[in-house]
C-alpha cells in the first residue's frame, strides 16, 4: 500500500510541475505579445548643460574653427 501511495504522490507532483511550467510559458507569451516595445529611442535620456535629465536630444553646437592667417 505504501508503494502505490508514493507513486501516486510522485505523479501528482509531476502533474503540478508540468501545469506550473505551462502556465509560466503562457504568461511569457502574453507578455511578449502585449509588450509596448523597449526601443532604444524610448529608453534614451540626455543631460543638458545645466545637468538636468531630459528626453529630447540637445541641439548640435556649432564648432568654431579659426581660419589660417596669411
Protein backbone atom coordinates (compact mmCIF):
# COMPACT_ATOMS: atom_id res chain seq x y z
CA UNK A 1 0.00 0.00 0.00
CA UNK A 2 2.78 2.44 0.82
CA UNK A 3 4.45 1.92 -2.52
CA UNK A 4 1.32 2.77 -4.50
CA UNK A 5 0.77 5.86 -2.35
CA UNK A 6 4.34 7.01 -3.01
CA UNK A 7 3.97 6.64 -6.77
CA UNK A 8 0.63 8.45 -6.65
CA UNK A 9 2.28 11.41 -4.93
CA UNK A 10 5.12 11.40 -7.44
CA UNK A 11 2.62 11.52 -10.30
CA UNK A 12 0.70 14.36 -8.64
CA UNK A 13 3.88 16.36 -8.09
CA UNK A 14 4.91 15.83 -11.70
CA UNK A 15 1.47 17.00 -12.89
CA UNK A 16 1.73 20.09 -10.72
CA UNK A 17 5.19 20.88 -12.07
CA UNK A 18 4.02 20.46 -15.65
CA UNK A 19 0.97 22.68 -15.01
CA UNK A 20 3.11 25.44 -13.46
CA UNK A 21 5.57 25.25 -16.34
CA UNK A 22 2.74 25.52 -18.89
CA UNK A 23 1.19 28.50 -17.07
CA UNK A 24 4.59 30.21 -16.90
CA UNK A 25 5.09 29.71 -20.64
CA UNK A 26 1.60 31.10 -21.29
CA UNK A 27 2.33 34.22 -19.19
CA UNK A 28 5.63 34.66 -21.04
CA UNK A 29 3.88 34.57 -24.42
CA UNK A 30 1.27 37.06 -23.21
CA UNK A 31 3.98 39.47 -22.09
CA UNK A 32 5.76 39.18 -25.44
CA UNK A 33 2.58 39.80 -27.42
CA UNK A 34 1.41 42.72 -25.27
CA UNK A 35 4.75 44.44 -24.88
CA UNK A 36 4.92 48.08 -25.88
CA UNK A 37 8.46 47.58 -27.03
CA UNK A 38 11.69 48.59 -25.43
CA UNK A 39 13.06 50.61 -28.29
CA UNK A 40 16.38 52.31 -27.73
CA UNK A 41 14.97 55.74 -28.61
CA UNK A 42 12.32 55.40 -25.90
CA UNK A 43 14.89 54.49 -23.26
CA UNK A 44 17.42 57.23 -24.07
CA UNK A 45 17.92 60.10 -21.66
CA UNK A 46 20.04 63.18 -22.24
CA UNK A 47 21.76 65.57 -19.87
CA UNK A 48 21.52 69.27 -20.72
CA UNK A 49 24.15 71.92 -19.98
CA UNK A 50 22.66 72.52 -16.52
CA UNK A 51 22.88 68.83 -15.54
CA UNK A 52 19.16 68.14 -15.82
CA UNK A 53 17.94 64.91 -17.39
CA UNK A 54 15.72 65.40 -20.46
CA UNK A 55 14.13 63.16 -23.04
CA UNK A 56 15.00 65.40 -26.01
CA UNK A 57 18.48 65.40 -27.52
CA UNK A 58 20.49 68.60 -27.23
CA UNK A 59 20.82 70.94 -30.17
CA UNK A 60 24.08 70.38 -32.04
CA UNK A 61 26.59 73.10 -31.19
CA UNK A 62 28.44 74.96 -33.90
CA UNK A 63 32.14 74.36 -33.64
CA UNK A 64 34.29 77.44 -34.07
CA UNK A 65 37.15 76.76 -36.45
CA UNK A 66 39.60 79.62 -36.78
CA UNK A 67 40.80 80.31 -40.28
CA UNK A 68 44.50 80.27 -41.03
CA UNK A 69 46.07 83.74 -41.12
CA UNK A 70 48.07 84.82 -44.12
